[in-house]
PDB file of N, CA and C in Angstrom:
ATOM      1  N   UNK A   1     162.167-137.835  60.723  1.00  0.00           N
ATOM      2  CA  UNK A   1     162.418-138.922  59.792  1.00  0.00           C
ATOM      3  C   UNK A   1     161.165-139.247  58.983  1.00  0.00           C
ATOM      4  N   UNK A   2     160.017-139.252  59.666  1.00  0.00           N
ATOM      5  CA  UNK A   2     158.760-139.581  58.996  1.00  0.00           C
ATOM      6  C   UNK A   2     158.431-138.563  57.895  1.00  0.00           C
ATOM      7  N   UNK A   3     158.920-137.356  58.086  1.00  0.00           N
ATOM      8  CA  UNK A   3     158.672-136.293  57.117  1.00  0.00           C
ATOM      9  C   UNK A   3     159.345-136.597  55.776  1.00  0.00           C
ATOM     10  N   UNK A   4     160.473-137.294  55.815  1.00  0.00           N
ATOM     11  CA  UNK A   4     161.233-137.588  54.603  1.00  0.00           C
ATOM     12  C   UNK A   4     160.882-138.930  53.973  1.00  0.00           C
ATOM     13  N   UNK A   5     159.978-139.671  54.578  1.00  0.00           N
ATOM     14  CA  UNK A   5     159.624-140.997  54.074  1.00  0.00           C
ATOM     15  C   UNK A   5     159.128-140.979  52.625  1.00  0.00           C
ATOM     16  N   UNK A   6     158.275-140.033  52.217  1.00  0.00           N
ATOM     17  CA  UNK A   6     157.874-139.998  50.797  1.00  0.00           C
ATOM     18  C   UNK A   6     159.049-139.769  49.846  1.00  0.00           C
ATOM     19  N   UNK A   7     160.023-138.978  50.273  1.00  0.00           N
ATOM     20  CA  UNK A   7     161.193-138.744  49.424  1.00  0.00           C
ATOM     21  C   UNK A   7     162.029-140.012  49.273  1.00  0.00           C
ATOM     22  N   UNK A   8     162.195-140.740  50.376  1.00  0.00           N
ATOM     23  CA  UNK A   8     162.934-142.005  50.314  1.00  0.00           C
ATOM     24  C   UNK A   8     162.198-143.023  49.452  1.00  0.00           C
ATOM     25  N   UNK A   9     160.872-143.051  49.569  1.00  0.00           N
ATOM     26  CA  UNK A   9     160.082-143.969  48.748  1.00  0.00           C
ATOM     27  C   UNK A   9     160.225-143.618  47.270  1.00  0.00           C
ATOM     28  N   UNK A  10     160.180-142.343  46.947  1.00  0.00           N
ATOM     29  CA  UNK A  10     160.357-141.912  45.557  1.00  0.00           C
ATOM     30  C   UNK A  10     161.743-142.226  45.029  1.00  0.00           C
ATOM     31  N   UNK A  11     162.744-142.035  45.852  1.00  0.00           N
ATOM     32  CA  UNK A  11     164.114-142.354  45.460  1.00  0.00           C
ATOM     33  C   UNK A  11     164.287-143.856  45.240  1.00  0.00           C
ATOM     34  N   UNK A  12     163.696-144.647  46.114  1.00  0.00           N
ATOM     35  CA  UNK A  12     163.759-146.098  45.946  1.00  0.00           C
ATOM     36  C   UNK A  12     163.053-146.553  44.687  1.00  0.00           C
ATOM     37  N   UNK A  13     161.887-145.970  44.416  1.00  0.00           N
ATOM     38  CA  UNK A  13     161.142-146.313  43.205  1.00  0.00           C
ATOM     39  C   UNK A  13     161.941-145.945  41.958  1.00  0.00           C
ATOM     40  N   UNK A  14     162.516-144.759  41.943  1.00  0.00           N
ATOM     41  CA  UNK A  14     163.296-144.325  40.780  1.00  0.00           C
ATOM     42  C   UNK A  14     164.521-145.209  40.574  1.00  0.00           C
ATOM     43  N   UNK A  15     165.139-145.632  41.661  1.00  0.00           N
ATOM     44  CA  UNK A  15     166.304-146.510  41.562  1.00  0.00           C
ATOM     45  C   UNK A  15     165.922-147.864  40.978  1.00  0.00           C
ATOM     46  N   UNK A  16     164.851-148.451  41.492  1.00  0.00           N
ATOM     47  CA  UNK A  16     164.396-149.748  40.971  1.00  0.00           C
ATOM     48  C   UNK A  16     163.988-149.616  39.511  1.00  0.00           C
ATOM     49  N   UNK A  17     163.277-148.551  39.185  1.00  0.00           N
ATOM     50  CA  UNK A  17     162.837-148.332  37.805  1.00  0.00           C
ATOM     51  C   UNK A  17     164.033-148.183  36.873  1.00  0.00           C
ATOM     52  N   UNK A  18     165.039-147.449  37.296  1.00  0.00           N
ATOM     53  CA  UNK A  18     166.225-147.241  36.469  1.00  0.00           C
ATOM     54  C   UNK A  18     167.038-148.503  36.279  1.00  0.00           C
ATOM     55  N   UNK A  19     167.223-149.269  37.349  1.00  0.00           N
ATOM     56  CA  UNK A  19     167.993-150.504  37.237  1.00  0.00           C
ATOM     57  C   UNK A  19     167.254-151.574  36.446  1.00  0.00           C
ATOM     58  N   UNK A  20     165.927-151.472  36.347  1.00  0.00           N
ATOM     59  CA  UNK A  20     165.184-152.487  35.592  1.00  0.00           C
ATOM     60  C   UNK A  20     165.564-152.451  34.111  1.00  0.00           C
ATOM     61  N   UNK A  21     165.907-151.280  33.580  1.00  0.00           N
ATOM     62  CA  UNK A  21     166.329-151.207  32.183  1.00  0.00           C
ATOM     63  C   UNK A  21     167.671-151.907  31.976  1.00  0.00           C
ATOM     64  N   UNK A  22     168.580-151.717  32.914  1.00  0.00           N
ATOM     65  CA  UNK A  22     169.877-152.394  32.810  1.00  0.00           C
ATOM     66  C   UNK A  22     169.705-153.906  32.922  1.00  0.00           C
ATOM     67  N   UNK A  23     168.858-154.342  33.850  1.00  0.00           N
ATOM     68  CA  UNK A  23     168.614-155.768  34.017  1.00  0.00           C
ATOM     69  C   UNK A  23     167.981-156.359  32.765  1.00  0.00           C
ATOM     70  N   UNK A  24     166.997-155.656  32.199  1.00  0.00           N
ATOM     71  CA  UNK A  24     166.307-156.155  31.011  1.00  0.00           C
ATOM     72  C   UNK A  24     167.262-156.266  29.834  1.00  0.00           C
ATOM     73  N   UNK A  25     168.098-155.272  29.646  1.00  0.00           N
ATOM     74  CA  UNK A  25     169.051-155.316  28.533  1.00  0.00           C
ATOM     75  C   UNK A  25     169.995-156.514  28.673  1.00  0.00           C
ATOM     76  N   UNK A  26     170.480-156.738  29.871  1.00  0.00           N
ATOM     77  CA  UNK A  26     171.371-157.873  30.100  1.00  0.00           C
ATOM     78  C   UNK A  26     170.662-159.209  29.967  1.00  0.00           C
ATOM     79  N   UNK A  27     169.426-159.278  30.452  1.00  0.00           N
ATOM     80  CA  UNK A  27     168.683-160.539  30.405  1.00  0.00           C
ATOM     81  C   UNK A  27     168.285-160.903  28.981  1.00  0.00           C
ATOM     82  N   UNK A  28     168.018-159.906  28.145  1.00  0.00           N
ATOM     83  CA  UNK A  28     167.602-160.197  26.767  1.00  0.00           C
ATOM     84  C   UNK A  28     168.729-160.779  25.921  1.00  0.00           C
ATOM     85  N   UNK A  29     169.948-160.700  26.407  1.00  0.00           N
ATOM     86  CA  UNK A  29     171.055-161.337  25.699  1.00  0.00           C
ATOM     87  C   UNK A  29     171.027-162.851  25.876  1.00  0.00           C
ATOM     88  N   UNK A  30     170.322-163.325  26.912  1.00  0.00           N
ATOM     89  CA  UNK A  30     170.332-164.750  27.232  1.00  0.00           C
ATOM     90  C   UNK A  30     168.987-165.443  27.020  1.00  0.00           C
ATOM     91  N   UNK A  31     167.882-164.712  27.153  1.00  0.00           N
ATOM     92  CA  UNK A  31     166.563-165.327  26.987  1.00  0.00           C
ATOM     93  C   UNK A  31     165.708-164.505  26.035  1.00  0.00           C
ATOM     94  N   UNK A  32     164.698-165.168  25.490  1.00  0.00           N
ATOM     95  CA  UNK A  32     163.788-164.523  24.538  1.00  0.00           C
ATOM     96  C   UNK A  32     162.907-163.497  25.263  1.00  0.00           C
ATOM     97  N   UNK A  33     162.436-162.481  24.541  1.00  0.00           N
ATOM     98  CA  UNK A  33     161.624-161.434  25.173  1.00  0.00           C
ATOM     99  C   UNK A  33     160.352-161.956  25.845  1.00  0.00           C
ATOM    100  N   UNK A  34     159.647-162.874  25.186  1.00  0.00           N
ATOM    101  CA  UNK A  34     158.406-163.373  25.782  1.00  0.00           C
ATOM    102  C   UNK A  34     158.681-164.270  26.985  1.00  0.00           C
ATOM    103  N   UNK A  35     159.794-164.958  26.975  1.00  0.00           N
ATOM    104  CA  UNK A  35     160.179-165.756  28.140  1.00  0.00           C
ATOM    105  C   UNK A  35     160.468-164.833  29.323  1.00  0.00           C
ATOM    106  N   UNK A  36     161.150-163.736  29.066  1.00  0.00           N
ATOM    107  CA  UNK A  36     161.437-162.762  30.119  1.00  0.00           C
ATOM    108  C   UNK A  36     160.146-162.150  30.658  1.00  0.00           C
ATOM    109  N   UNK A  37     159.212-161.836  29.771  1.00  0.00           N
ATOM    110  CA  UNK A  37     157.922-161.307  30.218  1.00  0.00           C
ATOM    111  C   UNK A  37     157.201-162.296  31.116  1.00  0.00           C
ATOM    112  N   UNK A  38     157.212-163.558  30.715  1.00  0.00           N
ATOM    113  CA  UNK A  38     156.574-164.590  31.526  1.00  0.00           C
ATOM    114  C   UNK A  38     157.203-164.699  32.904  1.00  0.00           C
ATOM    115  N   UNK A  39     158.519-164.635  32.963  1.00  0.00           N
ATOM    116  CA  UNK A  39     159.207-164.698  34.255  1.00  0.00           C
ATOM    117  C   UNK A  39     158.884-163.486  35.124  1.00  0.00           C
ATOM    118  N   UNK A  40     158.793-162.317  34.506  1.00  0.00           N
ATOM    119  CA  UNK A  40     158.474-161.109  35.275  1.00  0.00           C
ATOM    120  C   UNK A  40     157.057-161.161  35.828  1.00  0.00           C
ATOM    121  N   UNK A  41     156.101-161.621  35.014  1.00  0.00           N
ATOM    122  CA  UNK A  41     154.725-161.746  35.500  1.00  0.00           C
ATOM    123  C   UNK A  41     154.623-162.812  36.582  1.00  0.00           C
ATOM    124  N   UNK A  42     155.339-163.917  36.419  1.00  0.00           N
ATOM    125  CA  UNK A  42     155.324-164.966  37.437  1.00  0.00           C
ATOM    126  C   UNK A  42     155.902-164.449  38.752  1.00  0.00           C
ATOM    127  N   UNK A  43     156.979-163.691  38.684  1.00  0.00           N
ATOM    128  CA  UNK A  43     157.570-163.121  39.898  1.00  0.00           C
ATOM    129  C   UNK A  43     156.603-162.144  40.566  1.00  0.00           C
ATOM    130  N   UNK A  44     155.889-161.361  39.762  1.00  0.00           N
ATOM    131  CA  UNK A  44     154.926-160.408  40.317  1.00  0.00           C
ATOM    132  C   UNK A  44     153.770-161.133  41.001  1.00  0.00           C
ATOM    133  N   UNK A  45     153.270-162.194  40.369  1.00  0.00           N
ATOM    134  CA  UNK A  45     152.162-162.954  40.950  1.00  0.00           C
ATOM    135  C   UNK A  45     152.600-163.628  42.246  1.00  0.00           C
ATOM    136  N   UNK A  46     153.768-164.241  42.245  1.00  0.00           N
ATOM    137  CA  UNK A  46     154.252-164.900  43.456  1.00  0.00           C
ATOM    138  C   UNK A  46     154.481-163.902  44.587  1.00  0.00           C
ATOM    139  N   UNK A  47     154.974-162.721  44.258  1.00  0.00           N
ATOM    140  CA  UNK A  47     155.168-161.683  45.271  1.00  0.00           C
ATOM    141  C   UNK A  47     153.831-161.238  45.848  1.00  0.00           C
ATOM    142  N   UNK A  48     152.837-161.034  44.985  1.00  0.00           N
ATOM    143  CA  UNK A  48     151.521-160.620  45.459  1.00  0.00           C
ATOM    144  C   UNK A  48     150.871-161.700  46.312  1.00  0.00           C
ATOM    145  N   UNK A  49     151.020-162.954  45.919  1.00  0.00           N
ATOM    146  CA  UNK A  49     150.470-164.053  46.719  1.00  0.00           C
ATOM    147  C   UNK A  49     151.139-164.095  48.089  1.00  0.00           C
ATOM    148  N   UNK A  50     152.446-163.929  48.122  1.00  0.00           N
ATOM    149  CA  UNK A  50     153.165-163.931  49.395  1.00  0.00           C
ATOM    150  C   UNK A  50     152.704-162.779  50.290  1.00  0.00           C
ATOM    151  N   UNK A  51     152.570-161.587  49.722  1.00  0.00           N
ATOM    152  CA  UNK A  51     152.102-160.441  50.500  1.00  0.00           C
ATOM    153  C   UNK A  51     150.675-160.654  50.991  1.00  0.00           C
ATOM    154  N   UNK A  52     149.865-161.310  50.187  1.00  0.00           N
ATOM    155  CA  UNK A  52     148.485-161.607  50.577  1.00  0.00           C
ATOM    156  C   UNK A  52     148.452-162.609  51.724  1.00  0.00           C
ATOM    157  N   UNK A  53     149.274-163.653  51.642  1.00  0.00           N
ATOM    158  CA  UNK A  53     149.302-164.666  52.695  1.00  0.00           C
ATOM    159  C   UNK A  53     149.851-164.115  54.011  1.00  0.00           C
ATOM    160  N   UNK A  54     150.766-163.173  53.934  1.00  0.00           N
ATOM    161  CA  UNK A  54     151.322-162.561  55.140  1.00  0.00           C
ATOM    162  C   UNK A  54     150.394-161.507  55.740  1.00  0.00           C
ATOM    163  N   UNK A  55     149.336-161.145  55.022  1.00  0.00           N
ATOM    164  CA  UNK A  55     148.380-160.169  55.530  1.00  0.00           C
ATOM    165  C   UNK A  55     148.788-158.729  55.304  1.00  0.00           C
ATOM    166  N   UNK A  56     149.802-158.508  54.504  1.00  0.00           N
ATOM    167  CA  UNK A  56     150.252-157.144  54.226  1.00  0.00           C
ATOM    168  C   UNK A  56     149.318-156.468  53.232  1.00  0.00           C
ATOM    169  N   UNK A  57     148.817-157.240  52.270  1.00  0.00           N
ATOM    170  CA  UNK A  57     147.906-156.727  51.246  1.00  0.00           C
ATOM    171  C   UNK A  57     146.571-157.437  51.409  1.00  0.00           C
ATOM    172  N   UNK A  58     145.489-156.671  51.405  1.00  0.00           N
ATOM    173  CA  UNK A  58     144.160-157.279  51.446  1.00  0.00           C
ATOM    174  C   UNK A  58     143.464-157.018  50.123  1.00  0.00           C
ATOM    175  N   UNK A  59     142.780-158.031  49.646  1.00  0.00           N
ATOM    176  CA  UNK A  59     142.067-157.929  48.377  1.00  0.00           C
ATOM    177  C   UNK A  59     140.614-158.280  48.644  1.00  0.00           C
ATOM    178  N   UNK A  60     139.730-157.324  48.423  1.00  0.00           N
ATOM    179  CA  UNK A  60     138.308-157.561  48.618  1.00  0.00           C
ATOM    180  C   UNK A  60     137.600-157.374  47.283  1.00  0.00           C
ATOM    181  N   UNK A  61     136.977-158.431  46.802  1.00  0.00           N
ATOM    182  CA  UNK A  61     136.256-158.380  45.535  1.00  0.00           C
ATOM    183  C   UNK A  61     134.834-158.850  45.790  1.00  0.00           C
ATOM    184  N   UNK A  62     133.861-158.067  45.324  1.00  0.00           N
ATOM    185  CA  UNK A  62     132.463-158.473  45.424  1.00  0.00           C
ATOM    186  C   UNK A  62     131.892-158.621  44.024  1.00  0.00           C
ATOM    187  N   UNK A  63     130.857-159.390  43.895  1.00  0.00           N
ATOM    188  CA  UNK A  63     130.284-159.667  42.577  1.00  0.00           C
ATOM    189  C   UNK A  63     129.783-158.428  41.845  1.00  0.00           C
ATOM    190  N   UNK A  64     129.194-157.427  42.502  1.00  0.00           N
ATOM    191  CA  UNK A  64     128.759-156.241  41.740  1.00  0.00           C
ATOM    192  C   UNK A  64     129.898-155.484  41.057  1.00  0.00           C
ATOM    193  N   UNK A  65     131.138-155.697  41.483  1.00  0.00           N
ATOM    194  CA  UNK A  65     132.255-155.014  40.836  1.00  0.00           C
ATOM    195  C   UNK A  65     132.509-155.559  39.442  1.00  0.00           C
ATOM    196  N   UNK A  66     132.051-156.769  39.161  1.00  0.00           N
ATOM    197  CA  UNK A  66     132.253-157.343  37.844  1.00  0.00           C
ATOM    198  C   UNK A  66     131.151-156.885  36.945  1.00  0.00           C
TER     199      UNK A  66
END
């Protein structure tokens, strides 16, 4: 099963990527493009914050990187 995990991940990514076009087309009938962009970025930020708080994602930034 572990051998096929990359294939399942790729299939899941392709499915999400493909359905995002259908979702965007439908959503643009009801809201403005920039409003939709704002909602998508807000959802991404909230998801990243949640993953960070749960300890799934670690973010290490040091001053020399800037």
